[in-house]
């Protein structure tokens, strides 16, 4: 298989940070590939580099070495401007913290990624995305008027409104009670499957990881 066959592939990806006591190496040569429509869990203890890896996959940080390819294109070498365009066209992110704009309605929050790129269909697409997550009736409500589970569903709608090829989720049910978290994750898995979106999920939850097609563990700076 070549880089072009995978949605996302990593080759020898390293990441280190300067420190007064000496350089700290977080990732030490990560190799991986992620195919269209598959769900992959990345597990590991706190401090193992999961968030660092997710930032690299999202193009929010650059590796110290190695390469990251998306549909055959090396995104790790793109300029900040090109990365912004790449994220707007291909990437959805769901965080543990919902990161909704308090002064915007559910519809306005969901439309944000499309508004940023000047898409005239933003509001219609946001309305459909909210309907997809079961919140078509809450479009005009503000975050403080919704429950935590509803806010996370708005965040999922916002991530999916661009019809991303790649969806990154960082402990998306971590701030929710067990029942609500299970419902939100059911929704996330179902929508990713329906839309054939590659889902990479960072989690501490072994039961959640077991629901994915594959599970990778980040250990000593490498994925195993």
N, C-alpha and C. Protein backbone atom coordinates (compact mmCIF):
# COMPACT_ATOMS: atom_id res chain seq x y z
N UNK A 1 0.84 -1.20 0.00
CA UNK A 1 0.00 0.00 0.00
C UNK A 1 0.88 1.26 0.00
N UNK A 2 0.45 2.26 -0.70
CA UNK A 2 1.20 3.51 -0.74
C UNK A 2 0.49 4.56 0.09
N UNK A 3 1.16 5.72 0.27
CA UNK A 3 0.53 6.82 0.97
C UNK A 3 -0.81 7.19 0.35
N UNK A 4 -0.88 7.09 -0.97
CA UNK A 4 -2.09 7.52 -1.68
C UNK A 4 -3.27 6.59 -1.40
N UNK A 5 -3.01 5.35 -0.94
CA UNK A 5 -4.09 4.41 -0.67
C UNK A 5 -4.78 4.69 0.66
N UNK A 6 -4.13 5.38 1.55
CA UNK A 6 -4.67 5.66 2.87
C UNK A 6 -5.25 7.07 2.93
N UNK A 7 -6.25 7.24 3.80
CA UNK A 7 -6.73 8.60 4.06
C UNK A 7 -5.62 9.36 4.78
N UNK A 8 -5.03 8.72 5.78
CA UNK A 8 -3.98 9.35 6.57
C UNK A 8 -2.89 8.35 6.86
N UNK A 9 -1.63 8.77 6.71
CA UNK A 9 -0.51 7.88 7.04
C UNK A 9 0.61 8.67 7.70
N UNK A 10 1.29 8.02 8.63
CA UNK A 10 2.41 8.62 9.34
C UNK A 10 3.64 7.76 9.14
N UNK A 11 4.76 8.41 8.87
CA UNK A 11 6.02 7.70 8.65
C UNK A 11 7.11 8.31 9.52
N UNK A 12 7.53 7.56 10.52
CA UNK A 12 8.63 8.00 11.38
C UNK A 12 8.41 9.34 12.05
N UNK A 13 7.18 9.61 12.46
CA UNK A 13 6.86 10.93 13.04
C UNK A 13 7.44 11.07 14.44
N UNK A 14 8.22 12.13 14.61
CA UNK A 14 8.82 12.44 15.90
C UNK A 14 8.38 13.83 16.35
N UNK A 15 8.33 14.01 17.67
CA UNK A 15 8.04 15.34 18.22
C UNK A 15 8.78 15.49 19.53
N UNK A 16 9.56 16.55 19.61
CA UNK A 16 10.30 16.84 20.83
C UNK A 16 10.17 18.32 21.17
N UNK A 17 10.38 18.63 22.44
CA UNK A 17 10.27 19.99 22.93
C UNK A 17 11.53 20.36 23.71
N UNK A 18 11.97 21.61 23.58
CA UNK A 18 13.15 22.03 24.34
C UNK A 18 12.84 22.12 25.84
N UNK A 19 13.83 21.82 26.65
CA UNK A 19 13.67 21.89 28.11
C UNK A 19 15.03 22.24 28.70
N UNK A 20 15.06 23.02 29.77
CA UNK A 20 16.35 23.40 30.37
C UNK A 20 17.24 22.21 30.70
N UNK A 21 16.60 21.08 31.07
CA UNK A 21 17.38 19.89 31.43
C UNK A 21 17.74 19.05 30.22
N UNK A 22 17.30 19.47 29.04
CA UNK A 22 17.56 18.71 27.82
C UNK A 22 16.29 18.47 27.04
N UNK A 23 16.42 18.20 25.79
CA UNK A 23 15.26 18.03 24.92
C UNK A 23 14.38 16.86 25.38
N UNK A 24 13.06 17.13 25.41
CA UNK A 24 12.11 16.09 25.81
C UNK A 24 11.48 15.50 24.55
N UNK A 25 11.69 14.21 24.33
CA UNK A 25 11.15 13.55 23.14
C UNK A 25 9.83 12.87 23.51
N UNK A 26 8.74 13.35 22.92
CA UNK A 26 7.41 12.81 23.23
C UNK A 26 7.04 11.69 22.29
N UNK A 27 7.24 11.91 20.99
CA UNK A 27 6.97 10.88 19.98
C UNK A 27 8.29 10.48 19.34
N UNK A 28 8.52 9.17 19.21
CA UNK A 28 9.85 8.68 18.83
C UNK A 28 9.85 7.84 17.57
N UNK A 29 9.10 8.26 16.59
CA UNK A 29 9.07 7.50 15.35
C UNK A 29 7.77 6.74 15.18
N UNK A 30 6.67 7.48 15.04
CA UNK A 30 5.35 6.86 14.93
C UNK A 30 5.05 6.51 13.48
N UNK A 31 4.70 5.26 13.24
CA UNK A 31 4.27 4.79 11.92
C UNK A 31 2.83 4.29 12.05
N UNK A 32 1.95 4.73 11.15
CA UNK A 32 0.56 4.28 11.19
C UNK A 32 -0.13 4.64 9.89
N UNK A 33 -1.25 3.95 9.61
CA UNK A 33 -2.08 4.33 8.48
C UNK A 33 -3.54 4.15 8.89
N UNK A 34 -4.38 5.00 8.35
CA UNK A 34 -5.80 5.00 8.66
C UNK A 34 -6.57 5.06 7.35
N UNK A 35 -7.47 4.10 7.15
CA UNK A 35 -8.18 3.98 5.89
C UNK A 35 -9.57 4.60 5.94
N UNK A 36 -10.15 4.76 4.79
CA UNK A 36 -11.46 5.40 4.69
C UNK A 36 -12.53 4.63 5.47
N UNK A 37 -13.28 5.36 6.27
CA UNK A 37 -14.43 4.80 6.96
C UNK A 37 -14.12 3.96 8.18
N UNK A 38 -12.85 3.79 8.54
CA UNK A 38 -12.56 2.96 9.71
C UNK A 38 -12.51 3.81 10.97
N UNK A 39 -12.79 3.16 12.10
CA UNK A 39 -12.71 3.82 13.40
C UNK A 39 -11.53 3.23 14.16
N UNK A 40 -10.69 4.11 14.67
CA UNK A 40 -9.46 3.67 15.35
C UNK A 40 -9.35 4.39 16.70
N UNK A 41 -9.17 3.62 17.75
CA UNK A 41 -8.97 4.19 19.08
C UNK A 41 -7.48 4.28 19.37
N UNK A 42 -7.07 5.40 19.95
CA UNK A 42 -5.69 5.55 20.43
C UNK A 42 -5.76 5.68 21.94
N UNK A 43 -5.16 4.72 22.63
CA UNK A 43 -5.19 4.71 24.08
C UNK A 43 -3.77 4.89 24.62
N UNK A 44 -3.70 5.16 25.92
CA UNK A 44 -2.41 5.34 26.56
C UNK A 44 -2.57 6.15 27.82
N UNK A 45 -1.65 6.03 28.77
CA UNK A 45 -1.75 6.77 30.03
C UNK A 45 -1.57 8.26 29.82
N UNK A 46 -1.98 9.04 30.80
CA UNK A 46 -1.78 10.48 30.75
C UNK A 46 -0.29 10.77 30.60
N UNK A 47 0.02 11.73 29.72
CA UNK A 47 1.41 12.09 29.51
C UNK A 47 2.12 11.24 28.47
N UNK A 48 1.40 10.32 27.84
CA UNK A 48 2.03 9.44 26.85
C UNK A 48 2.18 10.10 25.48
N UNK A 49 1.52 11.24 25.29
CA UNK A 49 1.67 11.96 24.02
C UNK A 49 0.44 11.91 23.13
N UNK A 50 -0.69 11.44 23.66
CA UNK A 50 -1.90 11.31 22.84
C UNK A 50 -2.36 12.67 22.31
N UNK A 51 -2.39 13.67 23.16
CA UNK A 51 -2.83 15.00 22.73
C UNK A 51 -1.84 15.61 21.75
N UNK A 52 -0.55 15.35 21.97
CA UNK A 52 0.48 15.82 21.03
C UNK A 52 0.26 15.21 19.66
N UNK A 53 0.00 13.91 19.63
CA UNK A 53 -0.24 13.22 18.37
C UNK A 53 -1.47 13.78 17.67
N UNK A 54 -2.53 14.03 18.42
CA UNK A 54 -3.76 14.56 17.83
C UNK A 54 -3.52 15.95 17.24
N UNK A 55 -2.73 16.76 17.91
CA UNK A 55 -2.40 18.09 17.40
C UNK A 55 -1.65 18.01 16.08
N UNK A 56 -0.77 17.02 15.96
CA UNK A 56 -0.03 16.83 14.71
C UNK A 56 -0.96 16.37 13.60
N UNK A 57 -1.87 15.46 13.92
CA UNK A 57 -2.81 14.96 12.92
C UNK A 57 -3.75 16.06 12.43
N UNK A 58 -4.05 17.01 13.32
CA UNK A 58 -4.93 18.12 12.96
C UNK A 58 -4.20 19.26 12.28
N UNK A 59 -2.88 19.14 12.17
CA UNK A 59 -2.11 20.22 11.58
C UNK A 59 -2.01 21.44 12.46
N UNK A 60 -2.25 21.27 13.76
CA UNK A 60 -2.15 22.38 14.71
C UNK A 60 -0.73 22.53 15.23
N UNK A 61 0.09 21.54 14.97
CA UNK A 61 1.50 21.57 15.34
C UNK A 61 2.26 20.80 14.27
N UNK A 62 3.54 21.03 14.17
CA UNK A 62 4.36 20.36 13.16
C UNK A 62 5.31 19.36 13.82
N UNK A 63 5.54 18.22 13.17
CA UNK A 63 6.45 17.23 13.74
C UNK A 63 7.90 17.71 13.69
N UNK A 64 8.71 17.17 14.58
CA UNK A 64 10.14 17.48 14.57
C UNK A 64 10.85 16.67 13.50
N UNK A 65 10.21 15.59 13.07
CA UNK A 65 10.77 14.74 12.03
C UNK A 65 9.72 13.79 11.51
N UNK A 66 10.00 13.17 10.38
CA UNK A 66 9.03 12.27 9.78
C UNK A 66 8.03 13.00 8.92
N UNK A 67 7.01 12.29 8.45
CA UNK A 67 6.03 12.89 7.54
C UNK A 67 4.63 12.40 7.83
N UNK A 68 3.65 13.28 7.60
CA UNK A 68 2.23 12.95 7.71
C UNK A 68 1.59 13.23 6.36
N UNK A 69 0.98 12.21 5.78
CA UNK A 69 0.34 12.33 4.48
C UNK A 69 -1.17 12.19 4.61
N UNK A 70 -1.90 13.05 3.93
CA UNK A 70 -3.36 12.98 3.85
C UNK A 70 -3.75 12.84 2.39
N UNK A 71 -4.34 11.68 2.05
CA UNK A 71 -4.68 11.39 0.66
C UNK A 71 -3.50 11.64 -0.28
N UNK A 72 -2.31 11.22 0.18
CA UNK A 72 -1.11 11.33 -0.64
C UNK A 72 -0.39 12.67 -0.57
N UNK A 73 -0.98 13.64 0.11
CA UNK A 73 -0.37 14.96 0.20
C UNK A 73 0.30 15.13 1.56
N UNK A 74 1.54 15.58 1.56
CA UNK A 74 2.27 15.72 2.83
C UNK A 74 1.84 17.00 3.55
N UNK A 75 0.92 16.86 4.49
CA UNK A 75 0.38 18.03 5.19
C UNK A 75 1.38 18.60 6.19
N UNK A 76 2.35 17.77 6.61
CA UNK A 76 3.33 18.25 7.60
C UNK A 76 4.25 19.31 7.02
N UNK A 77 4.21 19.52 5.70
CA UNK A 77 5.05 20.54 5.07
C UNK A 77 4.25 21.75 4.58
N UNK A 78 2.94 21.77 4.84
CA UNK A 78 2.12 22.87 4.36
C UNK A 78 2.35 24.13 5.18
N UNK A 79 2.14 25.28 4.55
CA UNK A 79 2.22 26.56 5.26
C UNK A 79 1.00 26.70 6.17
N UNK A 80 1.06 27.63 7.11
CA UNK A 80 -0.08 27.84 8.01
C UNK A 80 -1.34 28.19 7.23
N UNK A 81 -1.19 28.99 6.20
CA UNK A 81 -2.35 29.37 5.39
C UNK A 81 -2.95 28.16 4.70
N UNK A 82 -2.10 27.32 4.10
CA UNK A 82 -2.59 26.13 3.41
C UNK A 82 -3.19 25.13 4.39
N UNK A 83 -2.62 25.06 5.59
CA UNK A 83 -3.17 24.17 6.62
C UNK A 83 -4.57 24.62 7.04
N UNK A 84 -4.76 25.92 7.14
CA UNK A 84 -6.08 26.45 7.51
C UNK A 84 -7.12 26.04 6.47
N UNK A 85 -6.75 26.16 5.21
CA UNK A 85 -7.65 25.75 4.12
C UNK A 85 -7.89 24.24 4.17
N UNK A 86 -6.83 23.47 4.39
CA UNK A 86 -6.94 22.01 4.46
C UNK A 86 -7.90 21.59 5.58
N UNK A 87 -7.74 22.20 6.76
CA UNK A 87 -8.63 21.85 7.87
C UNK A 87 -10.08 22.19 7.55
N UNK A 88 -10.29 23.35 6.94
CA UNK A 88 -11.65 23.80 6.63
C UNK A 88 -12.35 22.86 5.64
N UNK A 89 -11.57 22.22 4.79
CA UNK A 89 -12.16 21.39 3.73
C UNK A 89 -12.22 19.90 4.08
N UNK A 90 -11.39 19.45 5.03
CA UNK A 90 -11.26 18.01 5.23
C UNK A 90 -11.42 17.50 6.66
N UNK A 91 -11.37 18.38 7.65
CA UNK A 91 -11.21 17.93 9.02
C UNK A 91 -12.35 18.37 9.93
N UNK A 92 -12.77 17.44 10.80
CA UNK A 92 -13.70 17.75 11.87
C UNK A 92 -13.05 17.36 13.19
N UNK A 93 -13.23 18.16 14.23
CA UNK A 93 -12.64 17.86 15.54
C UNK A 93 -13.71 17.98 16.62
N UNK A 94 -13.78 16.99 17.51
CA UNK A 94 -14.67 17.02 18.66
C UNK A 94 -13.81 16.91 19.91
N UNK A 95 -13.90 17.90 20.78
CA UNK A 95 -13.09 17.94 21.99
C UNK A 95 -13.89 17.47 23.21
N UNK A 96 -13.15 17.19 24.30
CA UNK A 96 -13.81 16.86 25.56
C UNK A 96 -14.59 18.08 26.06
N UNK A 97 -13.94 19.24 25.99
CA UNK A 97 -14.64 20.49 26.26
C UNK A 97 -15.36 20.88 24.97
N UNK A 98 -16.59 21.31 25.07
CA UNK A 98 -17.40 21.50 23.86
C UNK A 98 -16.90 22.63 22.97
N UNK A 99 -16.31 23.66 23.59
CA UNK A 99 -15.78 24.81 22.85
C UNK A 99 -16.83 25.47 21.96
N UNK A 100 -18.04 25.59 22.48
CA UNK A 100 -19.07 26.33 21.75
C UNK A 100 -18.96 27.81 22.09
N UNK A 101 -19.37 28.66 21.16
CA UNK A 101 -19.39 30.11 21.40
C UNK A 101 -20.67 30.44 22.15
N UNK A 102 -20.51 30.97 23.37
CA UNK A 102 -21.66 31.18 24.25
C UNK A 102 -22.69 32.15 23.68
N UNK A 103 -22.23 33.11 22.86
CA UNK A 103 -23.13 34.14 22.34
C UNK A 103 -23.78 33.74 21.02
N UNK A 104 -23.51 32.52 20.56
CA UNK A 104 -24.09 32.04 19.31
C UNK A 104 -25.10 30.93 19.58
N UNK A 105 -26.13 30.85 18.75
CA UNK A 105 -27.12 29.79 18.87
C UNK A 105 -26.51 28.47 18.40
N UNK A 106 -27.26 27.39 18.61
CA UNK A 106 -26.79 26.08 18.15
C UNK A 106 -26.53 26.10 16.65
N UNK A 107 -27.46 26.71 15.89
CA UNK A 107 -27.31 26.77 14.44
C UNK A 107 -26.09 27.60 14.04
N UNK A 108 -25.87 28.70 14.72
CA UNK A 108 -24.73 29.57 14.41
C UNK A 108 -23.42 28.88 14.76
N UNK A 109 -23.39 28.14 15.88
CA UNK A 109 -22.20 27.38 16.25
C UNK A 109 -21.91 26.30 15.22
N UNK A 110 -22.95 25.59 14.82
CA UNK A 110 -22.75 24.50 13.85
C UNK A 110 -22.31 25.01 12.49
N UNK A 111 -22.72 26.22 12.16
CA UNK A 111 -22.39 26.80 10.85
C UNK A 111 -21.00 27.42 10.79
N UNK A 112 -20.35 27.59 11.92
CA UNK A 112 -19.08 28.33 11.98
C UNK A 112 -18.03 27.87 10.96
N UNK A 113 -17.74 26.57 10.83
CA UNK A 113 -16.70 26.17 9.88
C UNK A 113 -16.99 26.59 8.45
N UNK A 114 -18.27 26.58 8.08
CA UNK A 114 -18.65 26.99 6.73
C UNK A 114 -18.68 28.50 6.59
N UNK A 115 -19.09 29.19 7.66
CA UNK A 115 -19.08 30.66 7.64
C UNK A 115 -17.66 31.18 7.42
N UNK A 116 -16.70 30.53 8.07
CA UNK A 116 -15.30 30.96 7.99
C UNK A 116 -14.80 30.94 6.55
N UNK A 117 -15.27 29.97 5.77
CA UNK A 117 -14.82 29.91 4.38
C UNK A 117 -15.81 30.54 3.41
N UNK A 118 -16.79 31.29 3.95
CA UNK A 118 -17.70 32.05 3.12
C UNK A 118 -18.69 31.24 2.33
N UNK A 119 -19.06 30.08 2.85
CA UNK A 119 -20.00 29.20 2.17
C UNK A 119 -21.43 29.73 2.35
N UNK A 120 -22.10 30.01 1.24
CA UNK A 120 -23.44 30.58 1.30
C UNK A 120 -24.49 29.57 1.79
N UNK A 121 -24.15 28.30 1.75
CA UNK A 121 -25.10 27.27 2.20
C UNK A 121 -24.90 26.92 3.67
N UNK A 122 -24.13 27.74 4.39
CA UNK A 122 -23.76 27.42 5.77
C UNK A 122 -24.96 27.15 6.66
N UNK A 123 -25.96 28.04 6.63
CA UNK A 123 -27.09 27.89 7.55
C UNK A 123 -27.92 26.67 7.21
N UNK A 124 -28.14 26.41 5.93
CA UNK A 124 -28.91 25.23 5.53
C UNK A 124 -28.17 23.96 5.92
N UNK A 125 -26.86 23.95 5.71
CA UNK A 125 -26.05 22.78 6.06
C UNK A 125 -26.03 22.56 7.57
N UNK A 126 -25.97 23.66 8.34
CA UNK A 126 -25.98 23.57 9.79
C UNK A 126 -27.31 23.01 10.29
N UNK A 127 -28.39 23.46 9.68
CA UNK A 127 -29.71 22.97 10.05
C UNK A 127 -29.81 21.46 9.83
N UNK A 128 -29.26 20.98 8.70
CA UNK A 128 -29.28 19.56 8.41
C UNK A 128 -28.40 18.79 9.39
N UNK A 129 -27.22 19.35 9.70
CA UNK A 129 -26.31 18.69 10.63
C UNK A 129 -26.94 18.57 12.02
N UNK A 130 -27.64 19.60 12.45
CA UNK A 130 -28.32 19.55 13.76
C UNK A 130 -29.46 18.54 13.73
N UNK A 131 -30.16 18.45 12.61
CA UNK A 131 -31.20 17.44 12.48
C UNK A 131 -30.60 16.04 12.56
N UNK A 132 -29.44 15.87 11.94
CA UNK A 132 -28.75 14.57 11.96
C UNK A 132 -28.40 14.12 13.38
N UNK A 133 -28.11 15.08 14.26
CA UNK A 133 -27.75 14.73 15.64
C UNK A 133 -28.95 14.84 16.58
N UNK A 134 -30.15 14.99 16.01
CA UNK A 134 -31.37 15.02 16.81
C UNK A 134 -31.68 16.33 17.48
N UNK A 135 -31.12 17.43 16.95
CA UNK A 135 -31.34 18.73 17.57
C UNK A 135 -31.95 19.74 16.60
N UNK A 136 -32.70 19.24 15.62
CA UNK A 136 -33.32 20.15 14.68
C UNK A 136 -34.26 21.13 15.35
N UNK A 137 -34.80 20.74 16.52
CA UNK A 137 -35.75 21.60 17.24
C UNK A 137 -35.06 22.58 18.20
N UNK A 138 -33.74 22.51 18.28
CA UNK A 138 -33.02 23.38 19.23
C UNK A 138 -32.11 24.38 18.52
N UNK A 139 -32.36 24.64 17.25
CA UNK A 139 -31.46 25.46 16.45
C UNK A 139 -31.27 26.87 17.01
N UNK A 140 -32.31 27.44 17.58
CA UNK A 140 -32.24 28.83 18.05
C UNK A 140 -31.89 28.93 19.53
N UNK A 141 -31.50 27.83 20.14
CA UNK A 141 -31.15 27.84 21.56
C UNK A 141 -29.65 28.09 21.74
N UNK A 142 -29.31 28.73 22.85
CA UNK A 142 -27.93 29.04 23.17
C UNK A 142 -27.34 27.94 24.06
N UNK A 143 -26.01 27.82 24.11
CA UNK A 143 -25.39 26.75 24.91
C UNK A 143 -25.89 26.69 26.35
N UNK A 144 -26.09 27.85 26.99
CA UNK A 144 -26.52 27.82 28.39
C UNK A 144 -27.95 27.31 28.55
N UNK A 145 -28.67 27.20 27.45
CA UNK A 145 -30.04 26.70 27.48
C UNK A 145 -30.11 25.19 27.18
N UNK A 146 -28.96 24.58 26.99
CA UNK A 146 -28.92 23.16 26.63
C UNK A 146 -28.11 22.36 27.65
N UNK A 147 -28.37 21.06 27.70
CA UNK A 147 -27.63 20.18 28.59
C UNK A 147 -26.24 19.91 28.03
N UNK A 148 -25.39 19.26 28.85
CA UNK A 148 -24.05 18.92 28.39
C UNK A 148 -24.08 17.99 27.18
N UNK A 149 -24.99 17.02 27.22
CA UNK A 149 -25.10 16.10 26.09
C UNK A 149 -25.55 16.80 24.82
N UNK A 150 -26.46 17.76 24.96
CA UNK A 150 -26.92 18.52 23.80
C UNK A 150 -25.80 19.40 23.25
N UNK A 151 -25.04 20.00 24.14
CA UNK A 151 -23.91 20.83 23.70
C UNK A 151 -22.89 20.00 22.94
N UNK A 152 -22.64 18.77 23.41
CA UNK A 152 -21.68 17.92 22.71
C UNK A 152 -22.23 17.50 21.36
N UNK A 153 -23.54 17.33 21.26
CA UNK A 153 -24.14 17.00 19.97
C UNK A 153 -24.02 18.18 19.00
N UNK A 154 -24.14 19.39 19.51
CA UNK A 154 -23.92 20.58 18.66
C UNK A 154 -22.47 20.57 18.17
N UNK A 155 -21.55 20.22 19.07
CA UNK A 155 -20.13 20.17 18.69
C UNK A 155 -19.89 19.11 17.61
N UNK A 156 -20.61 17.99 17.70
CA UNK A 156 -20.50 16.95 16.67
C UNK A 156 -21.06 17.47 15.35
N UNK A 157 -22.21 18.16 15.42
CA UNK A 157 -22.80 18.74 14.21
C UNK A 157 -21.82 19.72 13.56
N UNK A 158 -21.17 20.53 14.37
CA UNK A 158 -20.18 21.49 13.86
C UNK A 158 -19.01 20.77 13.19
N UNK A 159 -18.59 19.65 13.77
CA UNK A 159 -17.47 18.89 13.20
C UNK A 159 -17.85 18.23 11.89
N UNK A 160 -19.11 17.83 11.77
CA UNK A 160 -19.54 17.07 10.58
C UNK A 160 -20.11 17.95 9.48
N UNK A 161 -20.35 19.22 9.77
CA UNK A 161 -21.03 20.08 8.79
C UNK A 161 -20.21 20.26 7.51
N UNK A 162 -18.90 20.13 7.61
CA UNK A 162 -18.06 20.28 6.42
C UNK A 162 -17.92 18.97 5.63
N UNK A 163 -18.64 17.93 6.12
CA UNK A 163 -18.54 16.59 5.51
C UNK A 163 -17.08 16.15 5.44
N UNK A 164 -16.43 16.10 6.61
CA UNK A 164 -14.98 15.83 6.64
C UNK A 164 -14.64 14.40 6.24
N UNK A 165 -13.48 14.25 5.65
CA UNK A 165 -12.96 12.90 5.37
C UNK A 165 -12.34 12.32 6.63
N UNK A 166 -11.88 13.21 7.52
CA UNK A 166 -11.20 12.79 8.75
C UNK A 166 -11.85 13.47 9.95
N UNK A 167 -12.19 12.66 10.95
CA UNK A 167 -12.80 13.17 12.18
C UNK A 167 -11.93 12.77 13.36
N UNK A 168 -11.46 13.75 14.11
CA UNK A 168 -10.64 13.51 15.30
C UNK A 168 -11.48 13.80 16.54
N UNK A 169 -11.45 12.90 17.50
CA UNK A 169 -12.24 13.08 18.73
C UNK A 169 -11.34 12.85 19.94
N UNK A 170 -11.28 13.84 20.82
CA UNK A 170 -10.41 13.79 22.00
C UNK A 170 -11.27 13.65 23.26
N UNK A 171 -11.39 12.41 23.76
CA UNK A 171 -12.21 12.13 24.95
C UNK A 171 -13.58 12.82 24.86
N UNK A 172 -14.33 12.61 23.78
CA UNK A 172 -15.56 13.38 23.56
C UNK A 172 -16.67 13.14 24.57
N UNK A 173 -16.60 12.04 25.33
CA UNK A 173 -17.63 11.78 26.34
C UNK A 173 -17.09 11.99 27.75
N UNK A 174 -15.89 12.54 27.85
CA UNK A 174 -15.23 12.66 29.16
C UNK A 174 -15.92 13.55 30.16
N UNK A 175 -16.66 14.54 29.70
CA UNK A 175 -17.35 15.46 30.62
C UNK A 175 -18.83 15.15 30.78
N UNK A 176 -19.25 13.98 30.30
CA UNK A 176 -20.66 13.62 30.34
C UNK A 176 -20.89 12.45 31.30
N UNK A 177 -22.11 12.36 31.85
CA UNK A 177 -22.43 11.20 32.67
C UNK A 177 -22.46 9.96 31.78
N UNK A 178 -22.41 8.80 32.39
CA UNK A 178 -22.26 7.55 31.64
C UNK A 178 -23.33 7.35 30.58
N UNK A 179 -24.60 7.53 30.95
CA UNK A 179 -25.70 7.30 30.01
C UNK A 179 -25.65 8.28 28.84
N UNK A 180 -25.45 9.57 29.16
CA UNK A 180 -25.37 10.58 28.11
C UNK A 180 -24.16 10.35 27.23
N UNK A 181 -23.04 9.99 27.85
CA UNK A 181 -21.82 9.72 27.10
C UNK A 181 -21.99 8.57 26.12
N UNK A 182 -22.68 7.53 26.55
CA UNK A 182 -22.93 6.39 25.67
C UNK A 182 -23.80 6.80 24.48
N UNK A 183 -24.81 7.62 24.76
CA UNK A 183 -25.70 8.09 23.68
C UNK A 183 -24.93 8.93 22.67
N UNK A 184 -24.09 9.83 23.17
CA UNK A 184 -23.30 10.69 22.29
C UNK A 184 -22.34 9.86 21.44
N UNK A 185 -21.71 8.85 22.05
CA UNK A 185 -20.77 8.02 21.30
C UNK A 185 -21.50 7.14 20.29
N UNK A 186 -22.68 6.64 20.64
CA UNK A 186 -23.48 5.89 19.66
C UNK A 186 -23.71 6.76 18.42
N UNK A 187 -24.06 8.00 18.68
CA UNK A 187 -24.34 8.94 17.60
C UNK A 187 -23.09 9.18 16.75
N UNK A 188 -21.96 9.38 17.41
CA UNK A 188 -20.71 9.67 16.70
C UNK A 188 -20.30 8.49 15.82
N UNK A 189 -20.37 7.28 16.36
CA UNK A 189 -20.03 6.09 15.57
C UNK A 189 -20.99 5.90 14.41
N UNK A 190 -22.28 6.08 14.67
CA UNK A 190 -23.29 5.88 13.62
C UNK A 190 -23.09 6.87 12.47
N UNK A 191 -22.88 8.14 12.80
CA UNK A 191 -22.71 9.15 11.77
C UNK A 191 -21.42 8.94 10.98
N UNK A 192 -20.34 8.55 11.68
CA UNK A 192 -19.08 8.28 10.98
C UNK A 192 -19.25 7.13 9.99
N UNK A 193 -19.99 6.10 10.41
CA UNK A 193 -20.23 4.95 9.53
C UNK A 193 -21.08 5.34 8.33
N UNK A 194 -22.16 6.09 8.58
CA UNK A 194 -23.06 6.51 7.50
C UNK A 194 -22.32 7.33 6.45
N UNK A 195 -21.44 8.20 6.91
CA UNK A 195 -20.79 9.14 6.01
C UNK A 195 -19.42 8.66 5.55
N UNK A 196 -19.04 7.43 5.96
CA UNK A 196 -17.76 6.84 5.57
C UNK A 196 -16.59 7.77 5.93
N UNK A 197 -16.69 8.34 7.13
CA UNK A 197 -15.65 9.23 7.64
C UNK A 197 -14.66 8.43 8.49
N UNK A 198 -13.39 8.67 8.29
CA UNK A 198 -12.37 8.04 9.12
C UNK A 198 -12.38 8.70 10.49
N UNK A 199 -12.60 7.93 11.54
CA UNK A 199 -12.69 8.45 12.91
C UNK A 199 -11.50 7.96 13.72
N UNK A 200 -10.74 8.91 14.26
CA UNK A 200 -9.64 8.58 15.17
C UNK A 200 -10.02 9.12 16.54
N UNK A 201 -10.13 8.22 17.49
CA UNK A 201 -10.66 8.54 18.82
C UNK A 201 -9.58 8.37 19.88
N UNK A 202 -9.26 9.43 20.59
CA UNK A 202 -8.35 9.36 21.73
C UNK A 202 -9.19 9.16 22.99
N UNK A 203 -8.89 8.11 23.74
CA UNK A 203 -9.71 7.81 24.91
C UNK A 203 -8.92 7.03 25.97
N UNK A 204 -9.39 7.15 27.22
CA UNK A 204 -8.88 6.30 28.30
C UNK A 204 -9.84 5.13 28.52
N UNK A 205 -11.00 5.20 27.90
CA UNK A 205 -12.09 4.26 28.15
C UNK A 205 -11.89 2.98 27.32
N UNK A 206 -11.59 1.88 28.01
CA UNK A 206 -11.32 0.61 27.32
C UNK A 206 -12.57 0.08 26.61
N UNK A 207 -13.75 0.28 27.19
CA UNK A 207 -14.98 -0.19 26.56
C UNK A 207 -15.26 0.58 25.27
N UNK A 208 -14.95 1.87 25.32
CA UNK A 208 -15.13 2.70 24.13
C UNK A 208 -14.13 2.29 23.05
N UNK A 209 -12.91 2.05 23.46
CA UNK A 209 -11.87 1.64 22.51
C UNK A 209 -12.24 0.31 21.84
N UNK A 210 -12.88 -0.57 22.60
CA UNK A 210 -13.25 -1.88 22.08
C UNK A 210 -14.31 -1.79 20.98
N UNK A 211 -15.03 -0.68 20.91
CA UNK A 211 -16.06 -0.50 19.88
C UNK A 211 -15.46 -0.12 18.52
N UNK A 212 -14.21 0.28 18.53
CA UNK A 212 -13.57 0.71 17.28
C UNK A 212 -13.10 -0.49 16.46
N UNK A 213 -12.89 -0.27 15.19
CA UNK A 213 -12.38 -1.32 14.31
C UNK A 213 -10.99 -1.77 14.74
N UNK A 214 -10.20 -0.81 15.20
CA UNK A 214 -8.84 -1.10 15.64
C UNK A 214 -8.53 -0.30 16.90
N UNK A 215 -7.58 -0.81 17.67
CA UNK A 215 -7.12 -0.09 18.85
C UNK A 215 -5.59 -0.04 18.83
N UNK A 216 -5.04 1.16 18.95
CA UNK A 216 -3.60 1.34 18.99
C UNK A 216 -3.22 1.96 20.33
N UNK A 217 -2.13 1.49 20.90
CA UNK A 217 -1.66 2.02 22.17
C UNK A 217 -0.40 2.86 21.96
N UNK A 218 -0.39 4.04 22.56
CA UNK A 218 0.79 4.90 22.50
C UNK A 218 1.66 4.58 23.72
N UNK A 219 2.82 4.01 23.44
CA UNK A 219 3.70 3.58 24.53
C UNK A 219 5.15 3.93 24.18
N UNK A 220 5.81 4.60 25.10
CA UNK A 220 7.21 4.99 24.93
C UNK A 220 7.43 5.72 23.61
N UNK A 221 6.45 6.56 23.26
CA UNK A 221 6.59 7.41 22.09
C UNK A 221 6.28 6.76 20.76
N UNK A 222 5.73 5.54 20.81
CA UNK A 222 5.39 4.84 19.55
C UNK A 222 3.99 4.23 19.65
N UNK A 223 3.36 4.05 18.50
CA UNK A 223 2.07 3.38 18.44
C UNK A 223 2.29 1.89 18.24
N UNK A 224 1.65 1.09 19.09
CA UNK A 224 1.79 -0.37 18.99
C UNK A 224 0.42 -1.03 19.02
